[in-house]
All heavy atoms as atom14 arrays in JSON, in Angstrom:
{
  "sequence": "PAARSLPSRRHFALARLISLLRFRTKDSGAPMT",
  "atom14_mask": [
    [1, 1, 1, 1, 1, 1, 1, 0, 0, 0, 0, 0, 0, 0],
    [1, 1, 1, 1, 1, 0, 0, 0, 0, 0, 0, 0, 0, 0],
    [1, 1, 1, 1, 1, 0, 0, 0, 0, 0, 0, 0, 0, 0],
    [1, 1, 1, 1, 1, 1, 1, 1, 1, 1, 1, 0, 0, 0],
    [1, 1, 1, 1, 1, 1, 0, 0, 0, 0, 0, 0, 0, 0],
    [1, 1, 1, 1, 1, 1, 1, 1, 0, 0, 0, 0, 0, 0],
    [1, 1, 1, 1, 1, 1, 1, 0, 0, 0, 0, 0, 0, 0],
    [1, 1, 1, 1, 1, 1, 0, 0, 0, 0, 0, 0, 0, 0],
    [1, 1, 1, 1, 1, 1, 1, 1, 1, 1, 1, 0, 0, 0],
    [1, 1, 1, 1, 1, 1, 1, 1, 1, 1, 1, 0, 0, 0],
    [1, 1, 1, 1, 1, 1, 1, 1, 1, 1, 0, 0, 0, 0],
    [1, 1, 1, 1, 1, 1, 1, 1, 1, 1, 1, 0, 0, 0],
    [1, 1, 1, 1, 1, 0, 0, 0, 0, 0, 0, 0, 0, 0],
    [1, 1, 1, 1, 1, 1, 1, 1, 0, 0, 0, 0, 0, 0],
    [1, 1, 1, 1, 1, 0, 0, 0, 0, 0, 0, 0, 0, 0],
    [1, 1, 1, 1, 1, 1, 1, 1, 1, 1, 1, 0, 0, 0],
    [1, 1, 1, 1, 1, 1, 1, 1, 0, 0, 0, 0, 0, 0],
    [1, 1, 1, 1, 1, 1, 1, 1, 0, 0, 0, 0, 0, 0],
    [1, 1, 1, 1, 1, 1, 0, 0, 0, 0, 0, 0, 0, 0],
    [1, 1, 1, 1, 1, 1, 1, 1, 0, 0, 0, 0, 0, 0],
    [1, 1, 1, 1, 1, 1, 1, 1, 0, 0, 0, 0, 0, 0],
    [1, 1, 1, 1, 1, 1, 1, 1, 1, 1, 1, 0, 0, 0],
    [1, 1, 1, 1, 1, 1, 1, 1, 1, 1, 1, 0, 0, 0],
    [1, 1, 1, 1, 1, 1, 1, 1, 1, 1, 1, 0, 0, 0],
    [1, 1, 1, 1, 1, 1, 1, 0, 0, 0, 0, 0, 0, 0],
    [1, 1, 1, 1, 1, 1, 1, 1, 1, 0, 0, 0, 0, 0],
    [1, 1, 1, 1, 1, 1, 1, 1, 0, 0, 0, 0, 0, 0],
    [1, 1, 1, 1, 1, 1, 0, 0, 0, 0, 0, 0, 0, 0],
    [1, 1, 1, 1, 0, 0, 0, 0, 0, 0, 0, 0, 0, 0],
    [1, 1, 1, 1, 1, 0, 0, 0, 0, 0, 0, 0, 0, 0],
    [1, 1, 1, 1, 1, 1, 1, 0, 0, 0, 0, 0, 0, 0],
    [1, 1, 1, 1, 1, 1, 1, 1, 0, 0, 0, 0, 0, 0],
    [1, 1, 1, 1, 1, 1, 1, 0, 0, 0, 0, 0, 0, 0]
  ],
  "atom14_positions": [
    [[-34.42, -65.46, 9.68], [-35.16, -64.37, 10.35], [-34.35, -63.68, 11.45], [-34.57, -62.51, 11.74], [-36.38, -65.07, 10.94], [-36.46, -66.39, 10.29], [-35.11, -66.74, 9.79], [0.0, 0.0, 0.0], [0.0, 0.0, 0.0], [0.0, 0.0, 0.0], [0.0, 0.0, 0.0], [0.0, 0.0, 0.0], [0.0, 0.0, 0.0], [0.0, 0.0, 0.0]],
    [[-33.4, -64.38, 12.06], [-32.59, -63.79, 13.12], [-31.72, -62.65, 12.61], [-31.27, -61.81, 13.38], [-31.72, -64.86, 13.78], [0.0, 0.0, 0.0], [0.0, 0.0, 0.0], [0.0, 0.0, 0.0], [0.0, 0.0, 0.0], [0.0, 0.0, 0.0], [0.0, 0.0, 0.0], [0.0, 0.0, 0.0], [0.0, 0.0, 0.0], [0.0, 0.0, 0.0]],
    [[-31.5, -62.6, 11.29], [-30.66, -61.54, 10.72], [-31.26, -60.16, 10.9], [-30.55, -59.16, 10.82], [-30.41, -61.82, 9.24], [0.0, 0.0, 0.0], [0.0, 0.0, 0.0], [0.0, 0.0, 0.0], [0.0, 0.0, 0.0], [0.0, 0.0, 0.0], [0.0, 0.0, 0.0], [0.0, 0.0, 0.0], [0.0, 0.0, 0.0], [0.0, 0.0, 0.0]],
    [[-32.56, -60.08, 11.18], [-33.18, -58.78, 11.43], [-32.55, -58.09, 12.63], [-32.52, -56.86, 12.69], [-34.67, -58.94, 11.69], [-35.45, -59.33, 10.5], [-36.91, -59.45, 10.85], [-37.64, -59.87, 9.68], [-38.83, -60.42, 9.71], [-39.43, -60.6, 10.86], [-39.42, -60.78, 8.6], [0.0, 0.0, 0.0], [0.0, 0.0, 0.0], [0.0, 0.0, 0.0]],
    [[-32.06, -58.86, 13.57], [-31.49, -58.3, 14.8], [-29.97, -58.24, 14.8], [-29.37, -57.98, 15.84], [-31.95, -59.13, 16.01], [-33.34, -59.1, 16.12], [0.0, 0.0, 0.0], [0.0, 0.0, 0.0], [0.0, 0.0, 0.0], [0.0, 0.0, 0.0], [0.0, 0.0, 0.0], [0.0, 0.0, 0.0], [0.0, 0.0, 0.0], [0.0, 0.0, 0.0]],
    [[-29.34, -58.48, 13.67], [-27.88, -58.42, 13.64], [-27.39, -57.0, 13.91], [-27.92, -56.04, 13.36], [-27.34, -58.88, 12.28], [-27.35, -60.37, 12.02], [-26.9, -60.66, 10.6], [-26.48, -61.1, 13.02], [0.0, 0.0, 0.0], [0.0, 0.0, 0.0], [0.0, 0.0, 0.0], [0.0, 0.0, 0.0], [0.0, 0.0, 0.0], [0.0, 0.0, 0.0]],
    [[-26.38, -56.84, 14.77], [-25.83, -55.5, 15.05], [-25.27, -54.8, 13.82], [-25.29, -53.58, 13.75], [-24.73, -55.78, 16.07], [-25.1, -57.07, 16.69], [-25.79, -57.87, 15.62], [0.0, 0.0, 0.0], [0.0, 0.0, 0.0], [0.0, 0.0, 0.0], [0.0, 0.0, 0.0], [0.0, 0.0, 0.0], [0.0, 0.0, 0.0], [0.0, 0.0, 0.0]],
    [[-24.8, -55.56, 12.85], [-24.21, -54.94, 11.67], [-25.25, -54.27, 10.77], [-24.9, -53.61, 9.8], [-23.41, -55.96, 10.87], [-24.19, -57.11, 10.63], [0.0, 0.0, 0.0], [0.0, 0.0, 0.0], [0.0, 0.0, 0.0], [0.0, 0.0, 0.0], [0.0, 0.0, 0.0], [0.0, 0.0, 0.0], [0.0, 0.0, 0.0], [0.0, 0.0, 0.0]],
    [[-26.53, -54.4, 11.1], [-27.59, -53.69, 10.36], [-27.9, -52.34, 11.0], [-28.83, -51.66, 10.6], [-28.86, -54.54, 10.31], [-28.66, -55.83, 9.53], [-29.96, -56.53, 9.29], [-30.63, -55.85, 8.18], [-31.94, -55.7, 8.1], [-32.72, -56.14, 9.05], [-32.46, -55.09, 7.07], [0.0, 0.0, 0.0], [0.0, 0.0, 0.0], [0.0, 0.0, 0.0]],
    [[-27.15, -51.95, 12.0], [-27.37, -50.69, 12.72], [-26.2, -49.76, 12.46], [-25.09, -50.19, 12.2], [-27.52, -50.93, 14.22], [-28.5, -52.0, 14.62], [-29.91, -51.69, 14.15], [-30.88, -52.67, 14.58], [-31.25, -53.73, 13.86], [-30.7, -53.97, 12.72], [-32.18, -54.54, 14.31], [0.0, 0.0, 0.0], [0.0, 0.0, 0.0], [0.0, 0.0, 0.0]],
    [[-26.45, -48.47, 12.6], [-25.42, -47.47, 12.3], [-24.66, -47.03, 13.55], [-23.44, -46.99, 13.56], [-26.07, -46.25, 11.63], [-25.08, -45.28, 11.11], [-24.51, -45.4, 9.86], [-24.53, -44.18, 11.66], [-23.68, -44.41, 9.67], [-23.67, -43.65, 10.74], [0.0, 0.0, 0.0], [0.0, 0.0, 0.0], [0.0, 0.0, 0.0], [0.0, 0.0, 0.0]],
    [[-25.37, -46.71, 14.61], [-24.74, -46.15, 15.8], [-24.43, -47.25, 16.81], [-25.12, -48.25, 16.9], [-25.65, -45.08, 16.43], [-25.87, -43.92, 15.52], [-27.03, -43.83, 14.76], [-24.92, -42.93, 15.39], [-27.23, -42.76, 13.89], [-25.11, -41.87, 14.53], [-26.26, -41.79, 13.77], [0.0, 0.0, 0.0], [0.0, 0.0, 0.0], [0.0, 0.0, 0.0]],
    [[-23.38, -47.04, 17.58], [-22.89, -48.07, 18.5], [-23.93, -48.44, 19.55], [-24.06, -49.62, 19.9], [-21.6, -47.59, 19.18], [0.0, 0.0, 0.0], [0.0, 0.0, 0.0], [0.0, 0.0, 0.0], [0.0, 0.0, 0.0], [0.0, 0.0, 0.0], [0.0, 0.0, 0.0], [0.0, 0.0, 0.0], [0.0, 0.0, 0.0], [0.0, 0.0, 0.0]],
    [[-24.67, -47.49, 20.06], [-25.68, -47.79, 21.07], [-26.76, -48.7, 20.48], [-27.18, -49.66, 21.11], [-26.29, -46.5, 21.61], [-27.33, -46.66, 22.71], [-26.74, -47.4, 23.91], [-27.85, -45.29, 23.15], [0.0, 0.0, 0.0], [0.0, 0.0, 0.0], [0.0, 0.0, 0.0], [0.0, 0.0, 0.0], [0.0, 0.0, 0.0], [0.0, 0.0, 0.0]],
    [[-27.19, -48.41, 19.27], [-28.19, -49.27, 18.61], [-27.61, -50.65, 18.33], [-28.31, -51.66, 18.43], [-28.67, -48.62, 17.32], [0.0, 0.0, 0.0], [0.0, 0.0, 0.0], [0.0, 0.0, 0.0], [0.0, 0.0, 0.0], [0.0, 0.0, 0.0], [0.0, 0.0, 0.0], [0.0, 0.0, 0.0], [0.0, 0.0, 0.0], [0.0, 0.0, 0.0]],
    [[-26.33, -50.72, 18.0], [-25.68, -52.01, 17.79], [-25.63, -52.83, 19.08], [-25.87, -54.04, 19.06], [-24.26, -51.82, 17.26], [-24.2, -51.38, 15.84], [-22.75, -51.08, 15.44], [-22.71, -50.71, 14.06], [-22.07, -51.4, 13.11], [-21.4, -52.48, 13.42], [-22.1, -51.01, 11.87], [0.0, 0.0, 0.0], [0.0, 0.0, 0.0], [0.0, 0.0, 0.0]],
    [[-25.33, -52.17, 20.18], [-25.28, -52.87, 21.46], [-26.67, -53.37, 21.86], [-26.83, -54.51, 22.3], [-24.72, -51.95, 22.54], [-24.53, -52.57, 23.93], [-23.55, -53.73, 23.87], [-24.05, -51.51, 24.91], [0.0, 0.0, 0.0], [0.0, 0.0, 0.0], [0.0, 0.0, 0.0], [0.0, 0.0, 0.0], [0.0, 0.0, 0.0], [0.0, 0.0, 0.0]],
    [[-27.68, -52.53, 21.7], [-29.05, -52.95, 22.0], [-29.45, -54.12, 21.1], [-30.06, -55.09, 21.56], [-30.02, -51.76, 21.83], [-29.77, -50.73, 22.93], [-31.47, -52.22, 21.84], [-30.47, -49.4, 22.71], [0.0, 0.0, 0.0], [0.0, 0.0, 0.0], [0.0, 0.0, 0.0], [0.0, 0.0, 0.0], [0.0, 0.0, 0.0], [0.0, 0.0, 0.0]],
    [[-29.07, -54.05, 19.84], [-29.36, -55.13, 18.91], [-28.66, -56.42, 19.32], [-29.24, -57.51, 19.22], [-28.95, -54.72, 17.5], [-29.23, -55.73, 16.59], [0.0, 0.0, 0.0], [0.0, 0.0, 0.0], [0.0, 0.0, 0.0], [0.0, 0.0, 0.0], [0.0, 0.0, 0.0], [0.0, 0.0, 0.0], [0.0, 0.0, 0.0], [0.0, 0.0, 0.0]],
    [[-27.42, -56.32, 19.77], [-26.68, -57.49, 20.22], [-27.37, -58.14, 21.42], [-27.57, -59.36, 21.46], [-25.25, -57.11, 20.59], [-24.38, -58.21, 21.2], [-24.07, -59.27, 20.16], [-23.1, -57.63, 21.76], [0.0, 0.0, 0.0], [0.0, 0.0, 0.0], [0.0, 0.0, 0.0], [0.0, 0.0, 0.0], [0.0, 0.0, 0.0], [0.0, 0.0, 0.0]],
    [[-27.78, -57.33, 22.39], [-28.48, -57.86, 23.56], [-29.82, -58.47, 23.17], [-30.2, -59.52, 23.69], [-28.66, -56.77, 24.61], [-27.37, -56.18, 25.19], [-27.68, -55.0, 26.09], [-26.58, -57.24, 25.92], [0.0, 0.0, 0.0], [0.0, 0.0, 0.0], [0.0, 0.0, 0.0], [0.0, 0.0, 0.0], [0.0, 0.0, 0.0], [0.0, 0.0, 0.0]],
    [[-30.5, -57.83, 22.24], [-31.78, -58.35, 21.77], [-31.59, -59.66, 21.02], [-32.39, -60.58, 21.15], [-32.43, -57.3, 20.86], [-33.81, -57.62, 20.47], [-34.42, -56.41, 19.76], [-35.54, -56.87, 18.98], [-35.83, -56.47, 17.78], [-35.08, -55.57, 17.2], [-36.87, -56.94, 17.15], [0.0, 0.0, 0.0], [0.0, 0.0, 0.0], [0.0, 0.0, 0.0]],
    [[-30.54, -59.77, 20.23], [-30.26, -60.99, 19.47], [-29.99, -62.14, 20.42], [-30.41, -63.27, 20.18], [-29.04, -60.76, 18.56], [-28.79, -61.89, 17.6], [-29.39, -61.87, 16.36], [-27.96, -62.94, 17.93], [-29.17, -62.89, 15.46], [-27.73, -63.97, 17.03], [-28.33, -63.94, 15.78], [0.0, 0.0, 0.0], [0.0, 0.0, 0.0], [0.0, 0.0, 0.0]],
    [[-29.29, -61.85, 21.51], [-28.97, -62.91, 22.48], [-30.2, -63.41, 23.21], [-30.29, -64.59, 23.55], [-27.97, -62.39, 23.5], [-26.58, -62.28, 22.99], [-25.7, -61.82, 24.1], [-24.31, -61.85, 23.72], [-23.34, -61.44, 24.5], [-23.6, -60.99, 25.7], [-22.1, -61.49, 24.08], [0.0, 0.0, 0.0], [0.0, 0.0, 0.0], [0.0, 0.0, 0.0]],
    [[-31.14, -62.52, 23.51], [-32.31, -62.92, 24.29], [-33.43, -63.49, 23.43], [-34.3, -64.17, 23.94], [-32.88, -61.72, 25.09], [-33.22, -60.67, 24.18], [-31.86, -61.22, 26.09], [0.0, 0.0, 0.0], [0.0, 0.0, 0.0], [0.0, 0.0, 0.0], [0.0, 0.0, 0.0], [0.0, 0.0, 0.0], [0.0, 0.0, 0.0], [0.0, 0.0, 0.0]],
    [[-33.43, -63.21, 22.13], [-34.44, -63.73, 21.23], [-34.16, -65.17, 20.88], [-33.01, -65.61, 20.87], [-34.46, -62.92, 19.92], [-35.45, -61.83, 19.88], [-35.36, -61.19, 18.53], [-36.72, -60.98, 17.97], [-36.68, -60.32, 16.69], [0.0, 0.0, 0.0], [0.0, 0.0, 0.0], [0.0, 0.0, 0.0], [0.0, 0.0, 0.0], [0.0, 0.0, 0.0]],
    [[-35.2, -65.9, 20.54], [-35.02, -67.26, 20.06], [-34.67, -67.19, 18.58], [-35.55, -66.99, 17.74], [-36.3, -68.07, 20.27], [-36.15, -69.51, 19.82], [-35.01, -69.97, 19.66], [-37.18, -70.15, 19.62], [0.0, 0.0, 0.0], [0.0, 0.0, 0.0], [0.0, 0.0, 0.0], [0.0, 0.0, 0.0], [0.0, 0.0, 0.0], [0.0, 0.0, 0.0]],
    [[-33.39, -67.33, 18.28], [-32.96, -67.19, 16.89], [-33.28, -68.43, 16.07], [-33.14, -68.43, 14.87], [-31.46, -66.89, 16.82], [-30.74, -67.93, 17.45], [0.0, 0.0, 0.0], [0.0, 0.0, 0.0], [0.0, 0.0, 0.0], [0.0, 0.0, 0.0], [0.0, 0.0, 0.0], [0.0, 0.0, 0.0], [0.0, 0.0, 0.0], [0.0, 0.0, 0.0]],
    [[-33.72, -69.5, 16.72], [-34.06, -70.72, 16.0], [-35.53, -70.83, 15.68], [-36.02, -71.9, 15.35], [0.0, 0.0, 0.0], [0.0, 0.0, 0.0], [0.0, 0.0, 0.0], [0.0, 0.0, 0.0], [0.0, 0.0, 0.0], [0.0, 0.0, 0.0], [0.0, 0.0, 0.0], [0.0, 0.0, 0.0], [0.0, 0.0, 0.0], [0.0, 0.0, 0.0]],
    [[-36.27, -69.74, 15.77], [-37.71, -69.76, 15.49], [-37.95, -70.08, 14.02], [-37.22, -69.61, 13.15], [-38.33, -68.41, 15.84], [0.0, 0.0, 0.0], [0.0, 0.0, 0.0], [0.0, 0.0, 0.0], [0.0, 0.0, 0.0], [0.0, 0.0, 0.0], [0.0, 0.0, 0.0], [0.0, 0.0, 0.0], [0.0, 0.0, 0.0], [0.0, 0.0, 0.0]],
    [[-38.98, -70.9, 13.74], [-39.25, -71.24, 12.34], [-39.79, -70.04, 11.57], [-40.4, -69.15, 12.14], [-40.32, -72.33, 12.46], [-40.97, -72.09, 13.77], [-39.91, -71.52, 14.66], [0.0, 0.0, 0.0], [0.0, 0.0, 0.0], [0.0, 0.0, 0.0], [0.0, 0.0, 0.0], [0.0, 0.0, 0.0], [0.0, 0.0, 0.0], [0.0, 0.0, 0.0]],
    [[-39.53, -70.03, 10.28], [-40.01, -68.95, 9.43], [-41.5, -69.16, 9.16], [-41.95, -70.28, 8.96], [-39.24, -68.93, 8.11], [-37.82, -68.48, 8.28], [-36.89, -68.17, 6.76], [-37.82, -68.79, 5.45], [0.0, 0.0, 0.0], [0.0, 0.0, 0.0], [0.0, 0.0, 0.0], [0.0, 0.0, 0.0], [0.0, 0.0, 0.0], [0.0, 0.0, 0.0]],
    [[-42.25, -68.09, 9.14], [-43.68, -68.16, 8.86], [-43.98, -67.7, 7.44], [-45.11, -67.41, 7.12], [-44.47, -67.29, 9.87], [-43.97, -65.96, 9.77], [-44.3, -67.8, 11.28], [0.0, 0.0, 0.0], [0.0, 0.0, 0.0], [0.0, 0.0, 0.0], [0.0, 0.0, 0.0], [0.0, 0.0, 0.0], [0.0, 0.0, 0.0], [0.0, 0.0, 0.0]]
  ]
}
């Protein structure tokens, strides 16, 4: 599920940077529902 926030799924650099910061702050180990 953490792949939703991967920067490589974004086109523009600003969106990639926001995605990177979001990925770092999110709990990437959350269980799948």
